[in-house]
Amino acid sequence: MKINCVILNYNDAETVEKLVRQIEKYSVLDGIVLVDNASTDDSWQRLQTLKGEKISVIRAEKNGGYGAGNNWGIRYAVEVNQATHVVIANPDVSFSENCIRGLARLFQRHPKVGVAAAGIEDKNYKPFQNSWKSQGFVGQLLYMGPVSRRVWARFLYYPGSYFKGKKAVWVDEVHGSMLMVDATAFLECGGYDEGIFLYQEEMVLARRMREAGKRTVLLLTESYYHEHSTTIGKSYQKELERQKLREQSVLYYMEKYLHINCLQEWIARLWFGGIRMEVRVFRCVERLWKRIR
């Protein structure tokens, strides 16, 4: 195996540098590819200082979104660095060398693995099982709602018993903040859908991998830390703006991959409006509660 790590940057060179300094000496990594996604600040100049024998820095001509930037980085890793497997990492994650070695062993032992990920530790959500079931139209709507996904959690997520006593399990989808892919399979199945600018990329990737005969596996003996929404939050400060981006991505997925009809699209848009109202009410109550306290 020849493993590269691809890190996508947009106006966040400081966070990228922190991650690079952590992982640059990992012997399991043969190369690190930094992709600047047409940043509008001084990121390109700052990333140049990180270049070295093991570290490549490339720049996109335009910001085509998360999927487009990572696709380009993975093609570079394969075509220039001859990588066989690629770790796709958000700048705001932290992971050990043992975590990468554990993921690599899954590919070595199971030829059908296309995507592998470890558990997540997060300051907001604490440790949690990094996986969920692939959903159809109704399931996607339920998962989008902060209340509905909790009420119907037993149908949307795997039960705790599914993971008990196991070192690794097959799952439908994993979080995209840090995962490893079979680079050849990734490119052959089309990689990330560049029609999606941000959010839900892992959902499409899992679907494309399944259609190509590859599977997704979750490693239970290792985990990584995710500073939830640190990088995205710098680009999209307002919660409702981020919510609208999610809605656009989910609707795109429904139209292209679930082939919804006009009535279903109308229902989805109505549901999304309810979620935005839910977010507004929740934040108002939260602010009121802080004042009372």
C-alpha atoms as a PDB file:
ATOM      1  CA  MET A   1       0.000   0.000   0.000  1.00  0.00           C
ATOM      2  CA  LYS A   2       1.055   3.554  -0.686  1.00  0.00           C
ATOM      3  CA  ILE A   3      -1.000   5.956   1.416  1.00  0.00           C
ATOM      4  CA  ASN A   4      -1.412   9.694   0.875  1.00  0.00           C
ATOM      5  CA  CYS A   5      -3.410  12.197   2.897  1.00  0.00           C
ATOM      6  CA  VAL A   6      -5.408  14.869   1.078  1.00  0.00           C
ATOM      7  CA  ILE A   7      -6.358  18.007   3.015  1.00  0.00           C
ATOM      8  CA  LEU A   8      -8.621  20.635   1.459  1.00  0.00           C
ATOM      9  CA  ASN A   9      -8.156  24.251   2.501  1.00  0.00           C
ATOM     10  CA  TYR A  10     -10.363  27.280   2.073  1.00  0.00           C
ATOM     11  CA  ASN A  11      -9.289  30.414   3.966  1.00  0.00           C
ATOM     12  CA  ASP A  12      -8.041  28.334   6.888  1.00  0.00           C
ATOM     13  CA  ALA A  13      -4.285  27.838   6.487  1.00  0.00           C
ATOM     14  CA  GLU A  14      -3.719  28.067  10.233  1.00  0.00           C
ATOM     15  CA  THR A  15      -5.837  24.977  10.926  1.00  0.00           C
ATOM     16  CA  VAL A  16      -4.267  23.123   7.985  1.00  0.00           C
ATOM     17  CA  GLU A  17      -0.780  23.886   9.263  1.00  0.00           C
ATOM     18  CA  LYS A  18      -1.657  22.527  12.702  1.00  0.00           C
ATOM     19  CA  LEU A  19      -2.785  19.208  11.217  1.00  0.00           C
ATOM     20  CA  VAL A  20       0.211  18.960   8.872  1.00  0.00           C
ATOM     21  CA  ARG A  21       2.639  19.481  11.749  1.00  0.00           C
ATOM     22  CA  GLN A  22       0.956  16.633  13.584  1.00  0.00           C
ATOM     23  CA  ILE A  23       1.012  14.078  10.768  1.00  0.00           C
ATOM     24  CA  GLU A  24       4.006  14.990   8.578  1.00  0.00           C
ATOM     25  CA  LYS A  25       6.309  12.552  10.379  1.00  0.00           C
ATOM     26  CA  TYR A  26       3.896   9.605  10.269  1.00  0.00           C
ATOM     27  CA  SER A  27       5.843   6.884   8.495  1.00  0.00           C
ATOM     28  CA  VAL A  28       2.602   5.248   7.345  1.00  0.00           C
ATOM     29  CA  LEU A  29       1.937   8.261   5.111  1.00  0.00           C
ATOM     30  CA  ASP A  30       3.939   8.362   1.888  1.00  0.00           C
ATOM     31  CA  GLY A  31       2.709  11.794   0.944  1.00  0.00           C
ATOM     32  CA  ILE A  32       0.482  14.712   1.951  1.00  0.00           C
ATOM     33  CA  VAL A  33      -1.389  16.712  -0.684  1.00  0.00           C
ATOM     34  CA  LEU A  34      -2.673  20.152   0.321  1.00  0.00           C
ATOM     35  CA  VAL A  35      -5.349  21.544  -1.984  1.00  0.00           C
ATOM     36  CA  ASP A  36      -6.098  25.245  -1.761  1.00  0.00           C
ATOM     37  CA  ASN A  37      -9.657  25.677  -2.989  1.00  0.00           C
ATOM     38  CA  ALA A  38      -9.146  29.159  -4.480  1.00  0.00           C
ATOM     39  CA  SER A  39      -8.915  30.860  -1.086  1.00  0.00           C
ATOM     40  CA  THR A  40      -9.547  34.588  -0.968  1.00  0.00           C
ATOM     41  CA  ASP A  41      -7.079  35.281   1.857  1.00  0.00           C
ATOM     42  CA  ASP A  42      -3.310  34.656   2.113  1.00  0.00           C
ATOM     43  CA  SER A  43      -3.713  30.871   2.411  1.00  0.00           C
ATOM     44  CA  TRP A  44      -1.855  30.079  -0.817  1.00  0.00           C
ATOM     45  CA  GLN A  45       1.242  31.957   0.336  1.00  0.00           C
ATOM     46  CA  ARG A  46       1.097  30.395   3.813  1.00  0.00           C
ATOM     47  CA  LEU A  47       0.694  26.878   2.469  1.00  0.00           C
ATOM     48  CA  GLN A  48       3.817  27.335   0.321  1.00  0.00           C
ATOM     49  CA  THR A  49       5.884  27.336   3.510  1.00  0.00           C
ATOM     50  CA  LEU A  50       4.737  23.770   4.206  1.00  0.00           C
ATOM     51  CA  LYS A  51       5.981  22.332   0.904  1.00  0.00           C
ATOM     52  CA  GLY A  52       8.622  19.647   1.168  1.00  0.00           C
ATOM     53  CA  GLU A  53       9.754  16.283  -0.088  1.00  0.00           C
ATOM     54  CA  LYS A  54       6.652  14.653   1.391  1.00  0.00           C
ATOM     55  CA  ILE A  55       4.223  17.568   1.126  1.00  0.00           C
ATOM     56  CA  SER A  56       2.714  18.855  -2.133  1.00  0.00           C
ATOM     57  CA  VAL A  57       0.661  22.041  -2.449  1.00  0.00           C
ATOM     58  CA  ILE A  58      -1.719  22.534  -5.379  1.00  0.00           C
ATOM     59  CA  ARG A  59      -4.290  25.216  -6.109  1.00  0.00           C
ATOM     60  CA  ALA A  60      -7.733  25.077  -7.709  1.00  0.00           C
ATOM     61  CA  GLU A  61      -8.586  27.781 -10.229  1.00  0.00           C
ATOM     62  CA  LYS A  62     -12.000  28.218  -8.620  1.00  0.00           C
ATOM     63  CA  ASN A  63     -13.794  27.068  -5.493  1.00  0.00           C
ATOM     64  CA  GLY A  64     -15.945  24.290  -6.916  1.00  0.00           C
ATOM     65  CA  GLY A  65     -16.855  22.985  -3.473  1.00  0.00           C
ATOM     66  CA  TYR A  66     -15.732  20.225  -1.134  1.00  0.00           C
ATOM     67  CA  GLY A  67     -16.175  17.392  -3.613  1.00  0.00           C
ATOM     68  CA  ALA A  68     -14.417  19.060  -6.537  1.00  0.00           C
ATOM     69  CA  GLY A  69     -11.440  20.089  -4.408  1.00  0.00           C
ATOM     70  CA  ASN A  70     -10.950  16.648  -2.893  1.00  0.00           C
ATOM     71  CA  ASN A  71     -11.440  14.905  -6.250  1.00  0.00           C
ATOM     72  CA  TRP A  72      -8.604  16.969  -7.676  1.00  0.00           C
ATOM     73  CA  GLY A  73      -6.371  16.216  -4.698  1.00  0.00           C
ATOM     74  CA  ILE A  74      -7.000  12.477  -4.987  1.00  0.00           C
ATOM     75  CA  ARG A  75      -6.295  12.474  -8.726  1.00  0.00           C
ATOM     76  CA  TYR A  76      -3.023  14.238  -8.003  1.00  0.00           C
ATOM     77  CA  ALA A  77      -2.153  11.714  -5.274  1.00  0.00           C
ATOM     78  CA  VAL A  78      -2.761   8.835  -7.680  1.00  0.00           C
ATOM     79  CA  GLU A  79      -1.262  10.267 -10.875  1.00  0.00           C
ATOM     80  CA  VAL A  80       1.759  12.043  -9.392  1.00  0.00           C
ATOM     81  CA  ASN A  81       2.448  10.218  -6.120  1.00  0.00           C
ATOM     82  CA  GLN A  82       1.193   6.781  -7.264  1.00  0.00           C
ATOM     83  CA  ALA A  83      -0.969   6.479  -4.152  1.00  0.00           C
ATOM     84  CA  THR A  84      -3.048   3.312  -3.820  1.00  0.00           C
ATOM     85  CA  HIS A  85      -5.088   4.575  -0.851  1.00  0.00           C
ATOM     86  CA  VAL A  86      -5.951   8.073   0.295  1.00  0.00           C
ATOM     87  CA  VAL A  87      -6.931   9.521   3.654  1.00  0.00           C
ATOM     88  CA  ILE A  88      -9.373  12.382   3.082  1.00  0.00           C
ATOM     89  CA  ALA A  89      -9.133  14.663   6.114  1.00  0.00           C
ATOM     90  CA  ASN A  90     -10.802  17.917   7.041  1.00  0.00           C
ATOM     91  CA  PRO A  91      -8.321  20.450   8.475  1.00  0.00           C
ATOM     92  CA  ASP A  92     -10.173  20.434  11.797  1.00  0.00           C
ATOM     93  CA  VAL A  93      -9.482  16.798  12.711  1.00  0.00           C
ATOM     94  CA  SER A  94      -6.758  15.125  14.734  1.00  0.00           C
ATOM     95  CA  PHE A  95      -5.777  11.478  14.316  1.00  0.00           C
ATOM     96  CA  SER A  96      -2.975   9.138  15.359  1.00  0.00           C
ATOM     97  CA  GLU A  97      -0.677   7.045  13.211  1.00  0.00           C
ATOM     98  CA  ASN A  98      -2.180   3.937  14.804  1.00  0.00           C
ATOM     99  CA  CYS A  99      -5.580   5.003  13.509  1.00  0.00           C
ATOM    100  CA  ILE A 100      -4.256   5.089   9.931  1.00  0.00           C
ATOM    101  CA  ARG A 101      -2.534   1.735  10.377  1.00  0.00           C
ATOM    102  CA  GLY A 102      -5.769   0.246  11.665  1.00  0.00           C
ATOM    103  CA  LEU A 103      -7.722   1.509   8.678  1.00  0.00           C
ATOM    104  CA  ALA A 104      -5.050   0.248   6.294  1.00  0.00           C
ATOM    105  CA  ARG A 105      -5.282  -3.277   7.738  1.00  0.00           C
ATOM    106  CA  LEU A 106      -8.995  -3.361   6.892  1.00  0.00           C
ATOM    107  CA  PHE A 107      -8.190  -2.843   3.208  1.00  0.00           C
ATOM    108  CA  GLN A 108      -5.478  -5.481   3.326  1.00  0.00           C
ATOM    109  CA  ARG A 109      -7.746  -8.081   4.913  1.00  0.00           C
ATOM    110  CA  HIS A 110     -10.956  -7.371   2.999  1.00  0.00           C
ATOM    111  CA  PRO A 111     -10.647  -6.718  -0.748  1.00  0.00           C
ATOM    112  CA  LYS A 112     -14.233  -5.451  -0.968  1.00  0.00           C
ATOM    113  CA  VAL A 113     -13.544  -2.440   1.285  1.00  0.00           C
ATOM    114  CA  GLY A 114     -13.881   0.827  -0.609  1.00  0.00           C
ATOM    115  CA  VAL A 115     -14.252   3.215   2.334  1.00  0.00           C
ATOM    116  CA  ALA A 116     -13.027   2.845   5.922  1.00  0.00           C
ATOM    117  CA  ALA A 117     -13.430   5.164   8.891  1.00  0.00           C
ATOM    118  CA  ALA A 118     -12.850   5.169  12.641  1.00  0.00           C
ATOM    119  CA  GLY A 119     -15.035   6.388  15.490  1.00  0.00           C
ATOM    120  CA  ILE A 120     -15.328  10.107  16.232  1.00  0.00           C
ATOM    121  CA  GLU A 121     -14.719  12.113  19.380  1.00  0.00           C
ATOM    122  CA  ASP A 122     -16.284  15.554  19.221  1.00  0.00           C
ATOM    123  CA  LYS A 123     -16.486  18.414  21.718  1.00  0.00           C
ATOM    124  CA  ASN A 124     -20.195  18.823  21.017  1.00  0.00           C
ATOM    125  CA  TYR A 125     -21.365  15.254  20.580  1.00  0.00           C
ATOM    126  CA  LYS A 126     -18.663  13.416  22.576  1.00  0.00           C
ATOM    127  CA  PRO A 127     -17.644   9.922  21.410  1.00  0.00           C
ATOM    128  CA  PHE A 128     -20.217   8.373  19.100  1.00  0.00           C
ATOM    129  CA  GLN A 129     -20.494   5.554  16.600  1.00  0.00           C
ATOM    130  CA  ASN A 130     -19.569   7.094  13.287  1.00  0.00           C
ATOM    131  CA  SER A 131     -22.167   5.438  11.064  1.00  0.00           C
ATOM    132  CA  TRP A 132     -25.747   5.501   9.898  1.00  0.00           C
ATOM    133  CA  LYS A 133     -28.072   3.594   7.626  1.00  0.00           C
ATOM    134  CA  SER A 134     -28.673   4.583   4.025  1.00  0.00           C
ATOM    135  CA  GLN A 135     -32.149   6.117   3.774  1.00  0.00           C
ATOM    136  CA  GLY A 136     -34.829   6.632   1.172  1.00  0.00           C
ATOM    137  CA  PHE A 137     -36.990   9.727   0.768  1.00  0.00           C
ATOM    138  CA  VAL A 138     -38.828   9.593   4.115  1.00  0.00           C
ATOM    139  CA  GLY A 139     -35.702   8.587   6.015  1.00  0.00           C
ATOM    140  CA  GLN A 140     -33.762  11.510   4.567  1.00  0.00           C
ATOM    141  CA  LEU A 141     -36.444  13.944   5.703  1.00  0.00           C
ATOM    142  CA  LEU A 142     -36.522  12.483   9.218  1.00  0.00           C
ATOM    143  CA  TYR A 143     -32.739  12.596   9.484  1.00  0.00           C
ATOM    144  CA  MET A 144     -32.676  16.295   8.511  1.00  0.00           C
ATOM    145  CA  GLY A 145     -34.866  17.411  11.416  1.00  0.00           C
ATOM    146  CA  PRO A 146     -33.162  17.997  14.798  1.00  0.00           C
ATOM    147  CA  VAL A 147     -36.234  16.651  16.629  1.00  0.00           C
ATOM    148  CA  SER A 148     -37.358  14.004  14.132  1.00  0.00           C
ATOM    149  CA  ARG A 149     -33.961  12.319  13.928  1.00  0.00           C
ATOM    150  CA  ARG A 150     -34.006  11.892  17.695  1.00  0.00           C
ATOM    151  CA  VAL A 151     -37.583  10.655  17.829  1.00  0.00           C
ATOM    152  CA  TRP A 152     -36.968   8.126  15.040  1.00  0.00           C
ATOM    153  CA  ALA A 153     -33.349   7.344  15.954  1.00  0.00           C
ATOM    154  CA  ARG A 154     -34.013   3.613  16.268  1.00  0.00           C
ATOM    155  CA  PHE A 155     -34.908   3.472  12.580  1.00  0.00           C
ATOM    156  CA  LEU A 156     -32.151   5.808  11.338  1.00  0.00           C
ATOM    157  CA  TYR A 157     -29.146   4.480  13.242  1.00  0.00           C
ATOM    158  CA  TYR A 158     -27.684   1.099  14.034  1.00  0.00           C
ATOM    159  CA  PRO A 159     -28.578  -0.260  17.497  1.00  0.00           C
ATOM    160  CA  GLY A 160     -25.842  -0.446  20.126  1.00  0.00           C
ATOM    161  CA  SER A 161     -25.974  -4.234  19.984  1.00  0.00           C
ATOM    162  CA  TYR A 162     -24.723  -4.116  16.381  1.00  0.00           C
ATOM    163  CA  PHE A 163     -21.316  -2.883  17.591  1.00  0.00           C
ATOM    164  CA  LYS A 164     -21.016  -4.737  20.889  1.00  0.00           C
ATOM    165  CA  GLY A 165     -17.975  -6.986  21.164  1.00  0.00           C
ATOM    166  CA  LYS A 166     -16.751  -6.261  17.609  1.00  0.00           C
ATOM    167  CA  LYS A 167     -13.555  -4.696  16.280  1.00  0.00           C
ATOM    168  CA  ALA A 168     -15.032  -3.582  12.959  1.00  0.00           C
ATOM    169  CA  VAL A 169     -18.459  -3.674  11.313  1.00  0.00           C
ATOM    170  CA  TRP A 170     -19.937  -3.170   7.856  1.00  0.00           C
ATOM    171  CA  VAL A 171     -22.067  -0.012   7.656  1.00  0.00           C
ATOM    172  CA  ASP A 172     -23.870   1.929   4.951  1.00  0.00           C
ATOM    173  CA  GLU A 173     -22.361   5.386   5.483  1.00  0.00           C
ATOM    174  CA  VAL A 174     -19.772   7.148   7.645  1.00  0.00           C
ATOM    175  CA  HIS A 175     -18.954  10.771   8.393  1.00  0.00           C
ATOM    176  CA  GLY A 176     -16.785  12.448   5.773  1.00  0.00           C
ATOM    177  CA  SER A 177     -14.528  14.493   8.073  1.00  0.00           C
ATOM    178  CA  MET A 178     -11.839  11.778   8.040  1.00  0.00           C
ATOM    179  CA  LEU A 179     -11.909   8.530   6.092  1.00  0.00           C
ATOM    180  CA  MET A 180      -9.694   6.340   3.925  1.00  0.00           C
ATOM    181  CA  VAL A 181     -10.592   5.239   0.412  1.00  0.00           C
ATOM    182  CA  ASP A 182      -9.308   2.762  -2.131  1.00  0.00           C
ATOM    183  CA  ALA A 183      -8.014   5.403  -4.539  1.00  0.00           C
ATOM    184  CA  THR A 184      -8.587   3.396  -7.711  1.00  0.00           C
ATOM    185  CA  ALA A 185     -12.122   2.433  -6.724  1.00  0.00           C
ATOM    186  CA  PHE A 186     -12.811   6.043  -5.712  1.00  0.00           C
ATOM    187  CA  LEU A 187     -11.840   7.425  -9.101  1.00  0.00           C
ATOM    188  CA  GLU A 188     -13.469   4.620 -11.084  1.00  0.00           C
ATOM    189  CA  CYS A 189     -16.844   5.101  -9.366  1.00  0.00           C
ATOM    190  CA  GLY A 190     -16.725   8.856  -9.982  1.00  0.00           C
ATOM    191  CA  GLY A 191     -15.558  10.022  -6.564  1.00  0.00           C
ATOM    192  CA  TYR A 192     -17.498  12.848  -4.988  1.00  0.00           C
ATOM    193  CA  ASP A 193     -20.382  14.306  -6.976  1.00  0.00           C
ATOM    194  CA  GLU A 194     -19.223  17.790  -7.957  1.00  0.00           C
ATOM    195  CA  GLY A 195     -22.826  18.902  -8.315  1.00  0.00           C
ATOM    196  CA  ILE A 196     -22.860  19.144  -4.506  1.00  0.00           C
ATOM    197  CA  PHE A 197     -20.991  22.158  -3.151  1.00  0.00           C
ATOM    198  CA  LEU A 198     -21.003  21.213   0.528  1.00  0.00           C
ATOM    199  CA  TYR A 199     -22.609  18.607   2.847  1.00  0.00           C
ATOM    200  CA  GLN A 200     -23.925  15.091   2.123  1.00  0.00           C
ATOM    201  CA  GLU A 201     -20.874  14.152   0.028  1.00  0.00           C
ATOM    202  CA  GLU A 202     -20.299  10.939   1.964  1.00  0.00           C
ATOM    203  CA  MET A 203     -23.852   9.803   1.224  1.00  0.00           C
ATOM    204  CA  VAL A 204     -23.234   9.918  -2.528  1.00  0.00           C
ATOM    205  CA  LEU A 205     -19.796   8.349  -2.188  1.00  0.00           C
ATOM    206  CA  ALA A 206     -21.184   5.396  -0.228  1.00  0.00           C
ATOM    207  CA  ARG A 207     -23.875   4.881  -2.848  1.00  0.00           C
ATOM    208  CA  ARG A 208     -21.399   5.025  -5.733  1.00  0.00           C
ATOM    209  CA  MET A 209     -19.057   2.601  -3.972  1.00  0.00           C
ATOM    210  CA  ARG A 210     -21.897   0.123  -3.379  1.00  0.00           C
ATOM    211  CA  GLU A 211     -22.869   0.263  -7.031  1.00  0.00           C
ATOM    212  CA  ALA A 212     -19.231  -0.493  -7.904  1.00  0.00           C
ATOM    213  CA  GLY A 213     -19.228  -3.553  -5.632  1.00  0.00           C
ATOM    214  CA  LYS A 214     -17.315  -1.910  -2.771  1.00  0.00           C
ATOM    215  CA  ARG A 215     -18.372  -1.618   0.858  1.00  0.00           C
ATOM    216  CA  THR A 216     -17.928   0.751   3.804  1.00  0.00           C
ATOM    217  CA  VAL A 217     -16.460  -0.444   7.089  1.00  0.00           C
ATOM    218  CA  LEU A 218     -16.229   1.191  10.525  1.00  0.00           C
ATOM    219  CA  LEU A 219     -13.186   0.469  12.712  1.00  0.00           C
ATOM    220  CA  LEU A 220     -14.224   0.306  16.362  1.00  0.00           C
ATOM    221  CA  THR A 221     -10.795   0.021  17.983  1.00  0.00           C
ATOM    222  CA  GLU A 222      -9.598   3.489  16.901  1.00  0.00           C
ATOM    223  CA  SER A 223     -11.049   6.980  16.809  1.00  0.00           C
ATOM    224  CA  TYR A 224     -10.165  10.517  15.741  1.00  0.00           C
ATOM    225  CA  TYR A 225     -11.063  13.929  17.133  1.00  0.00           C
ATOM    226  CA  HIS A 226     -13.193  16.351  15.142  1.00  0.00           C
ATOM    227  CA  GLU A 227     -13.430  20.037  16.045  1.00  0.00           C
ATOM    228  CA  HIS A 228     -17.017  20.118  14.777  1.00  0.00           C
ATOM    229  CA  SER A 229     -17.661  22.779  12.087  1.00  0.00           C
ATOM    230  CA  THR A 230     -14.507  24.773  12.874  1.00  0.00           C
ATOM    231  CA  THR A 231     -13.511  25.179   9.230  1.00  0.00           C
ATOM    232  CA  ILE A 232     -17.019  25.444   7.790  1.00  0.00           C
ATOM    233  CA  GLY A 233     -18.020  27.858  10.525  1.00  0.00           C
ATOM    234  CA  LYS A 234     -15.328  30.288   9.420  1.00  0.00           C
ATOM    235  CA  SER A 235     -16.804  30.380   5.924  1.00  0.00           C
ATOM    236  CA  TYR A 236     -20.507  30.231   6.817  1.00  0.00           C
ATOM    237  CA  GLN A 237     -21.026  31.947  10.143  1.00  0.00           C
ATOM    238  CA  LYS A 238     -24.791  31.797  10.401  1.00  0.00           C
ATOM    239  CA  GLU A 239     -26.521  28.559  11.317  1.00  0.00           C
ATOM    240  CA  LEU A 240     -29.424  29.137   8.944  1.00  0.00           C
ATOM    241  CA  GLU A 241     -27.026  29.684   6.045  1.00  0.00           C
ATOM    242  CA  ARG A 242     -25.459  26.308   6.774  1.00  0.00           C
ATOM    243  CA  GLN A 243     -28.916  24.774   7.059  1.00  0.00           C
ATOM    244  CA  LYS A 244     -29.864  26.071   3.602  1.00  0.00           C
ATOM    245  CA  LEU A 245     -26.691  24.554   2.146  1.00  0.00           C
ATOM    246  CA  ARG A 246     -27.639  21.189   3.658  1.00  0.00           C
ATOM    247  CA  GLU A 247     -31.108  21.463   2.190  1.00  0.00           C
ATOM    248  CA  GLN A 248     -29.741  22.200  -1.276  1.00  0.00           C
ATOM    249  CA  SER A 249     -27.444  19.176  -1.085  1.00  0.00           C
ATOM    250  CA  VAL A 250     -30.143  16.822   0.204  1.00  0.00           C
ATOM    251  CA  LEU A 251     -32.598  18.001  -2.446  1.00  0.00           C
ATOM    252  CA  TYR A 252     -29.951  17.466  -5.138  1.00  0.00           C
ATOM    253  CA  TYR A 253     -29.368  13.929  -3.822  1.00  0.00           C
ATOM    254  CA  MET A 254     -33.094  13.204  -3.786  1.00  0.00           C
ATOM    255  CA  GLU A 255     -33.590  14.445  -7.329  1.00  0.00           C
ATOM    256  CA  LYS A 256     -30.534  12.766  -8.865  1.00  0.00           C
ATOM    257  CA  TYR A 257     -30.253   9.540  -6.880  1.00  0.00           C
ATOM    258  CA  LEU A 258     -33.710   8.888  -5.392  1.00  0.00           C
ATOM    259  CA  HIS A 259     -35.517  10.230  -8.489  1.00  0.00           C
ATOM    260  CA  ILE A 260     -38.259  11.980  -6.521  1.00  0.00           C
ATOM    261  CA  ASN A 261     -41.324  13.386  -8.278  1.00  0.00           C
ATOM    262  CA  CYS A 262     -42.779  16.916  -8.139  1.00  0.00           C
ATOM    263  CA  LEU A 263     -45.034  16.126  -5.176  1.00  0.00           C
ATOM    264  CA  GLN A 264     -42.132  14.722  -3.171  1.00  0.00           C
ATOM    265  CA  GLU A 265     -40.049  17.789  -3.989  1.00  0.00           C
ATOM    266  CA  TRP A 266     -42.860  20.031  -2.732  1.00  0.00           C
ATOM    267  CA  ILE A 267     -43.126  17.981   0.486  1.00  0.00           C
ATOM    268  CA  ALA A 268     -39.348  18.176   0.985  1.00  0.00           C
ATOM    269  CA  ARG A 269     -39.284  21.954   0.559  1.00  0.00           C
ATOM    270  CA  LEU A 270     -42.173  22.331   2.997  1.00  0.00           C
ATOM    271  CA  TRP A 271     -40.377  20.087   5.485  1.00  0.00           C
ATOM    272  CA  PHE A 272     -37.180  22.129   5.160  1.00  0.00           C
ATOM    273  CA  GLY A 273     -39.135  25.309   5.898  1.00  0.00           C
ATOM    274  CA  GLY A 274     -40.394  23.693   9.094  1.00  0.00           C
ATOM    275  CA  ILE A 275     -36.839  22.772  10.094  1.00  0.00           C
ATOM    276  CA  ARG A 276     -35.655  26.366   9.637  1.00  0.00           C
ATOM    277  CA  MET A 277     -38.518  27.535  11.844  1.00  0.00           C
ATOM    278  CA  GLU A 278     -37.539  24.884  14.375  1.00  0.00           C
ATOM    279  CA  VAL A 279     -33.965  26.191  14.418  1.00  0.00           C
ATOM    280  CA  ARG A 280     -35.136  29.790  14.925  1.00  0.00           C
ATOM    281  CA  VAL A 281     -37.429  28.837  17.810  1.00  0.00           C
ATOM    282  CA  PHE A 282     -34.741  26.729  19.471  1.00  0.00           C
ATOM    283  CA  ARG A 283     -32.183  29.540  19.322  1.00  0.00           C
ATOM    284  CA  CYS A 284     -34.679  32.089  20.667  1.00  0.00           C
ATOM    285  CA  VAL A 285     -35.486  29.816  23.609  1.00  0.00           C
ATOM    286  CA  GLU A 286     -31.775  29.237  24.171  1.00  0.00           C
ATOM    287  CA  ARG A 287     -31.047  32.976  24.314  1.00  0.00           C
ATOM    288  CA  LEU A 288     -34.001  33.563  26.630  1.00  0.00           C
ATOM    289  CA  TRP A 289     -32.856  30.789  28.943  1.00  0.00           C
ATOM    290  CA  LYS A 290     -29.367  32.291  29.174  1.00  0.00           C
ATOM    291  CA  ARG A 291     -30.838  35.665  30.164  1.00  0.00           C
ATOM    292  CA  ILE A 292     -33.040  34.097  32.831  1.00  0.00           C
ATOM    293  CA  ARG A 293     -30.097  32.205  34.291  1.00  0.00           C
END
